[in-house]
Amino acid sequence: QVLHTILLALLACCAIVATPVRAWGDLSHEVVAEIAARELGPQARALVEDLLGDRASQALRENAGWADAIRAVEGLGMTAPYHYVNFPRGSCSYLARRDCLGGRCVVGALERFARQLRESTDRQQRIEALKWVLHLSADVHQPLHAGLGEDRGGNDLQVRFEGEGTNLHALLDSGLLRQRKLRACAYADALQAEQPAPSPRAVRWDAGAPVRWAEESCQLVAALYPPGSTIDRAYVERVRPMLEARLLLAGHRLARLLDAIASDTAP
């Protein structure tokens, strides 16, 4: 009990001090969570609320950043590879033996935690699996999380945006999106109003979905590299809609994933 209390305190601190150069920023993860909550079927909604102990929209938003927070806890940094997959330059065809050794990439981790959520009989394992599925379903839709290892998914590419230095990865995680000055629920409202809902075929869940999602992200990577080091308005107007489309798609796909698991595990 004491150890559990200490871990919770550490996680709370980590949520405050975590750096922005990680998977989608908190806002992005919360937007995906909010969209998913709105799209859940009744069985998946009941599953989420049972495991996380609150109404689905609140529970998913509050836990959307959990998998980033635990990376800062001593001894848990080993989970960092779960958040991305690197493709070789010029290829977006996923090969597990090349791109995901030991299942230590976002594709392998999402597959594993989805299976754990479906099959485990241990309640705590299922709670943690749900938090991972929630987070990684968003991560795999951030294109630079399926990018090049040589520049660490854009983390090593320095750019200037609105007069300040940053890196391309951080810019796409949160910098461009925060320009709209919207909180997660309002951002979800905006995306659902501005863009058509994805087709059922585009959001279906099956065993091959994590690979498809990562390959899709990879195919967008080249278009996200700016022609120079200064980010201008033309770049923002071209790239931000691409990122927002990925957020909307991730939310719908997460809902369908949870629907499928809830259907399989319903009594």
Protein backbone atom coordinates (compact mmCIF):
# COMPACT_ATOMS: atom_id res chain seq x y z
CA GLN A 1 0.00 0.00 0.00
CA VAL A 2 2.83 2.40 0.90
CA LEU A 3 4.67 1.59 -2.36
CA HIS A 4 1.46 2.14 -4.33
CA THR A 5 0.98 5.54 -2.69
CA ILE A 6 4.57 6.56 -3.48
CA LEU A 7 4.18 5.54 -7.13
CA LEU A 8 0.98 7.59 -7.45
CA ALA A 9 2.77 10.62 -6.02
CA LEU A 10 5.65 10.18 -8.44
CA LEU A 11 3.27 9.96 -11.37
CA ALA A 12 1.52 13.14 -10.28
CA CYS A 13 4.85 14.97 -10.17
CA CYS A 14 5.87 13.56 -13.54
CA ALA A 15 2.68 14.83 -15.11
CA ILE A 16 3.69 18.34 -14.03
CA VAL A 17 7.33 18.34 -15.12
CA ALA A 18 7.25 16.16 -18.23
CA THR A 19 8.95 17.68 -21.27
CA PRO A 20 7.15 18.45 -24.54
CA VAL A 21 9.42 16.39 -26.82
CA ARG A 22 7.45 13.19 -26.47
CA ALA A 23 4.49 11.52 -28.11
CA TRP A 24 1.59 13.81 -29.05
CA GLY A 25 1.30 16.57 -26.44
CA ASP A 26 -1.26 16.29 -23.65
CA LEU A 27 -3.78 18.34 -25.62
CA SER A 28 -3.58 16.00 -28.60
CA HIS A 29 -3.99 12.87 -26.49
CA GLU A 30 -6.97 14.40 -24.73
CA VAL A 31 -8.60 15.33 -28.04
CA VAL A 32 -8.25 11.75 -29.27
CA ALA A 33 -9.66 10.49 -25.96
CA GLU A 34 -12.63 12.86 -26.12
CA ILE A 35 -13.49 11.90 -29.70
CA ALA A 36 -13.23 8.21 -28.81
CA ALA A 37 -15.49 8.66 -25.79
CA ARG A 38 -18.17 10.23 -27.99
CA GLU A 39 -18.01 7.32 -30.44
CA LEU A 40 -18.01 4.39 -28.00
CA GLY A 41 -20.74 1.81 -28.15
CA PRO A 42 -22.59 0.93 -24.90
CA GLN A 43 -20.51 -2.17 -24.09
CA ALA A 44 -17.20 -0.34 -24.55
CA ARG A 45 -18.48 2.60 -22.53
CA ALA A 46 -19.37 0.25 -19.70
CA LEU A 47 -15.94 -1.42 -19.93
CA VAL A 48 -14.11 1.91 -19.74
CA GLU A 49 -16.21 3.17 -16.85
CA ASP A 50 -15.82 -0.06 -14.94
CA LEU A 51 -12.04 -0.18 -15.28
CA LEU A 52 -11.29 3.54 -14.90
CA GLY A 53 -14.03 4.41 -12.41
CA ASP A 54 -15.52 7.53 -13.98
CA ARG A 55 -17.74 8.51 -16.89
CA ALA A 56 -16.00 7.61 -20.11
CA SER A 57 -15.13 11.05 -21.44
CA GLN A 58 -13.61 12.21 -18.15
CA ALA A 59 -11.84 8.91 -17.51
CA LEU A 60 -10.29 8.69 -20.96
CA ARG A 61 -9.12 12.31 -21.00
CA GLU A 62 -7.63 12.05 -17.50
CA ASN A 63 -5.70 8.88 -18.36
CA ALA A 64 -4.65 9.84 -21.88
CA GLY A 65 -1.17 10.94 -20.78
CA TRP A 66 -0.50 8.16 -18.25
CA ALA A 67 1.88 6.23 -20.51
CA ASP A 68 4.05 9.33 -20.97
CA ALA A 69 4.09 10.06 -17.25
CA ILE A 70 5.41 6.64 -16.27
CA ARG A 71 8.40 7.07 -18.60
CA ALA A 72 9.83 9.56 -16.09
CA VAL A 73 9.51 7.18 -13.14
CA GLU A 74 12.85 5.58 -12.27
CA GLY A 75 13.07 2.11 -13.74
CA LEU A 76 10.22 2.55 -16.20
CA GLY A 77 12.10 4.42 -18.95
CA MET A 78 12.40 1.06 -20.71
CA THR A 79 8.92 1.68 -22.09
CA ALA A 80 10.12 4.55 -24.32
CA PRO A 81 10.35 2.40 -27.50
CA TYR A 82 6.67 1.51 -27.14
CA HIS A 83 5.74 4.98 -28.37
CA TYR A 84 7.20 4.86 -31.89
CA VAL A 85 8.46 2.72 -34.74
CA ASN A 86 11.31 3.65 -37.07
CA PHE A 87 11.13 2.90 -40.79
CA PRO A 88 14.16 2.87 -43.07
CA ARG A 89 14.44 5.82 -45.43
CA GLY A 90 12.43 5.22 -48.58
CA SER A 91 10.24 2.45 -47.19
CA CYS A 92 6.89 2.40 -45.36
CA SER A 93 6.47 -1.38 -45.42
CA TYR A 94 6.52 -2.73 -41.88
CA LEU A 95 8.64 -5.77 -41.13
CA ALA A 96 8.46 -6.81 -37.50
CA ARG A 97 11.84 -8.60 -37.53
CA ARG A 98 13.49 -5.40 -38.78
CA ASP A 99 11.39 -2.61 -37.28
CA CYS A 100 10.12 -4.04 -33.99
CA LEU A 101 12.63 -6.40 -32.41
CA GLY A 102 11.10 -8.17 -29.44
CA GLY A 103 7.83 -6.32 -29.96
CA ARG A 104 9.44 -3.12 -28.63
CA CYS A 105 7.78 -0.55 -30.86
CA VAL A 106 4.38 1.14 -31.01
CA VAL A 107 2.97 -1.54 -33.33
CA GLY A 108 4.06 -4.47 -31.19
CA ALA A 109 3.07 -2.72 -27.95
CA LEU A 110 -0.39 -1.82 -29.21
CA GLU A 111 -0.96 -5.37 -30.38
CA ARG A 112 0.21 -6.75 -27.03
CA PHE A 113 -1.82 -4.43 -24.81
CA ALA A 114 -4.96 -4.85 -26.90
CA ARG A 115 -4.58 -8.60 -26.44
CA GLN A 116 -3.96 -8.17 -22.71
CA LEU A 117 -7.08 -6.01 -22.35
CA ARG A 118 -9.10 -8.67 -24.13
CA GLU A 119 -7.66 -11.81 -22.51
CA SER A 120 -6.30 -11.03 -19.04
CA THR A 121 -8.29 -12.08 -15.98
CA ASP A 122 -6.28 -9.77 -13.72
CA ARG A 123 -8.16 -6.52 -13.16
CA GLN A 124 -5.06 -4.36 -12.59
CA GLN A 125 -3.44 -5.71 -15.75
CA ARG A 126 -6.57 -4.83 -17.70
CA ILE A 127 -6.63 -1.30 -16.27
CA GLU A 128 -3.03 -0.71 -17.30
CA ALA A 129 -3.62 -2.32 -20.69
CA LEU A 130 -6.55 0.04 -21.31
CA LYS A 131 -4.37 3.05 -20.47
CA TRP A 132 -1.70 1.82 -22.89
CA VAL A 133 -4.22 1.16 -25.66
CA LEU A 134 -5.67 4.64 -25.13
CA HIS A 135 -2.27 6.27 -25.43
CA LEU A 136 -0.65 4.19 -28.16
CA SER A 137 -3.68 4.41 -30.45
CA ALA A 138 -2.95 8.13 -30.58
CA ASP A 139 0.84 7.79 -30.82
CA VAL A 140 0.74 5.56 -33.88
CA HIS A 141 -1.21 8.29 -35.71
CA GLN A 142 1.44 10.98 -35.12
CA PRO A 143 3.42 10.70 -38.37
CA LEU A 144 6.83 11.35 -36.83
CA HIS A 145 6.24 8.38 -34.53
CA ALA A 146 6.57 6.28 -37.65
CA GLY A 147 9.46 8.20 -39.11
CA LEU A 148 13.23 8.08 -39.33
CA GLY A 149 15.49 6.82 -36.59
CA GLU A 150 18.39 8.88 -37.94
CA ASP A 151 16.89 12.15 -36.65
CA ARG A 152 14.88 10.52 -33.84
CA GLY A 153 11.56 11.27 -35.46
CA GLY A 154 12.36 14.94 -35.98
CA ASN A 155 13.61 15.52 -32.42
CA ASP A 156 17.06 16.37 -33.76
CA LEU A 157 15.82 18.81 -36.43
CA GLN A 158 15.82 22.33 -35.03
CA VAL A 159 13.37 24.89 -36.41
CA ARG A 160 12.11 28.37 -35.53
CA PHE A 161 8.42 28.97 -34.96
CA GLU A 162 6.90 32.29 -33.97
CA GLY A 163 10.36 33.65 -33.18
CA GLU A 164 11.38 30.83 -30.87
CA GLY A 165 13.51 27.72 -31.30
CA THR A 166 12.00 24.27 -31.08
CA ASN A 167 12.35 20.96 -32.89
CA LEU A 168 10.13 19.51 -35.58
CA HIS A 169 8.83 16.72 -33.37
CA ALA A 170 7.70 19.08 -30.60
CA LEU A 171 6.20 21.43 -33.17
CA LEU A 172 4.00 18.69 -34.59
CA ASP A 173 3.19 17.17 -31.19
CA SER A 174 1.69 20.35 -29.84
CA GLY A 175 3.09 23.64 -31.17
CA LEU A 176 0.89 23.94 -34.25
CA LEU A 177 -2.21 22.65 -32.50
CA ARG A 178 -1.98 24.96 -29.50
CA GLN A 179 -2.18 27.93 -31.84
CA ARG A 180 -5.92 27.41 -31.98
CA LYS A 181 -6.15 28.07 -28.23
CA LEU A 182 -8.83 25.43 -27.72
CA ARG A 183 -9.22 23.00 -24.85
CA ALA A 184 -9.68 19.33 -25.64
CA CYS A 185 -13.50 19.24 -25.72
CA ALA A 186 -13.73 22.39 -27.82
CA TYR A 187 -11.05 21.07 -30.16
CA ALA A 188 -12.99 17.83 -30.57
CA ASP A 189 -16.10 19.89 -31.33
CA ALA A 190 -14.19 21.81 -33.98
CA LEU A 191 -12.76 18.72 -35.67
CA GLN A 192 -16.12 16.98 -35.79
CA ALA A 193 -17.72 20.10 -37.24
CA GLU A 194 -15.01 20.83 -39.79
CA GLN A 195 -14.26 17.35 -41.13
CA PRO A 196 -16.46 14.50 -42.35
CA ALA A 197 -16.57 11.42 -40.15
CA PRO A 198 -14.21 8.67 -41.37
CA SER A 199 -15.83 5.78 -43.21
CA PRO A 200 -16.52 2.49 -41.38
CA ARG A 201 -13.91 0.82 -43.57
CA ALA A 202 -11.26 3.39 -42.60
CA VAL A 203 -11.78 2.89 -38.87
CA ARG A 204 -12.37 -0.86 -38.61
CA TRP A 205 -10.38 -2.82 -36.06
CA ASP A 206 -8.75 -6.14 -36.87
CA ALA A 207 -5.45 -7.84 -36.15
CA GLY A 208 -3.68 -5.97 -38.95
CA ALA A 209 -4.85 -2.51 -37.91
CA PRO A 210 -1.75 -1.38 -35.93
CA VAL A 211 0.48 -2.15 -38.92
CA ARG A 212 -1.83 -0.29 -41.32
CA TRP A 213 -1.98 2.72 -39.04
CA ALA A 214 1.81 2.92 -38.69
CA GLU A 215 2.34 2.56 -42.44
CA GLU A 216 -0.18 5.34 -43.07
CA SER A 217 1.70 7.63 -40.70
CA CYS A 218 4.99 6.78 -42.36
CA GLN A 219 3.58 7.74 -45.75
CA LEU A 220 2.92 11.28 -44.45
CA VAL A 221 6.38 11.87 -43.01
CA ALA A 222 8.11 13.32 -46.08
CA ALA A 223 5.44 16.00 -46.48
CA LEU A 224 6.03 17.23 -42.92
CA TYR A 225 9.65 18.29 -43.33
CA PRO A 226 9.82 22.06 -43.95
CA PRO A 227 11.88 23.48 -46.82
CA GLY A 228 13.90 25.60 -44.40
CA SER A 229 14.47 26.10 -40.70
CA THR A 230 11.82 28.80 -40.26
CA ILE A 231 8.20 27.70 -40.06
CA ASP A 232 6.00 30.08 -42.04
CA ARG A 233 2.25 30.54 -42.37
CA ALA A 234 2.09 28.48 -45.56
CA TYR A 235 3.58 25.49 -43.74
CA VAL A 236 1.11 25.85 -40.86
CA GLU A 237 -1.87 26.05 -43.21
CA ARG A 238 -0.70 22.97 -45.08
CA VAL A 239 0.38 20.76 -42.18
CA ARG A 240 -2.02 21.49 -39.34
CA PRO A 241 -5.06 20.07 -41.20
CA MET A 242 -3.06 16.89 -41.80
CA LEU A 243 -2.38 16.55 -38.07
CA GLU A 244 -5.98 17.28 -37.18
CA ALA A 245 -7.20 14.65 -39.61
CA ARG A 246 -4.97 12.13 -37.85
CA LEU A 247 -6.39 13.11 -34.46
CA LEU A 248 -9.96 12.63 -35.68
CA LEU A 249 -9.11 9.31 -37.27
CA ALA A 250 -7.29 8.12 -34.14
CA GLY A 251 -10.31 8.91 -31.98
CA HIS A 252 -12.71 6.99 -34.18
CA ARG A 253 -10.32 4.06 -34.48
CA LEU A 254 -9.75 3.89 -30.74
CA ALA A 255 -13.51 3.70 -30.23
CA ARG A 256 -13.83 0.84 -32.70
CA LEU A 257 -10.91 -1.00 -31.07
CA LEU A 258 -12.55 -0.73 -27.64
CA ASP A 259 -15.92 -1.73 -29.10
CA ALA A 260 -14.35 -4.90 -30.52
CA ILE A 261 -12.66 -5.81 -27.24
CA ALA A 262 -15.79 -5.11 -25.18
CA SER A 263 -17.85 -7.25 -27.54
CA ASP A 264 -15.39 -10.13 -27.23
CA THR A 265 -15.27 -9.96 -23.42
CA ALA A 266 -18.94 -9.25 -22.64
CA PRO A 267 -20.50 -11.87 -20.33
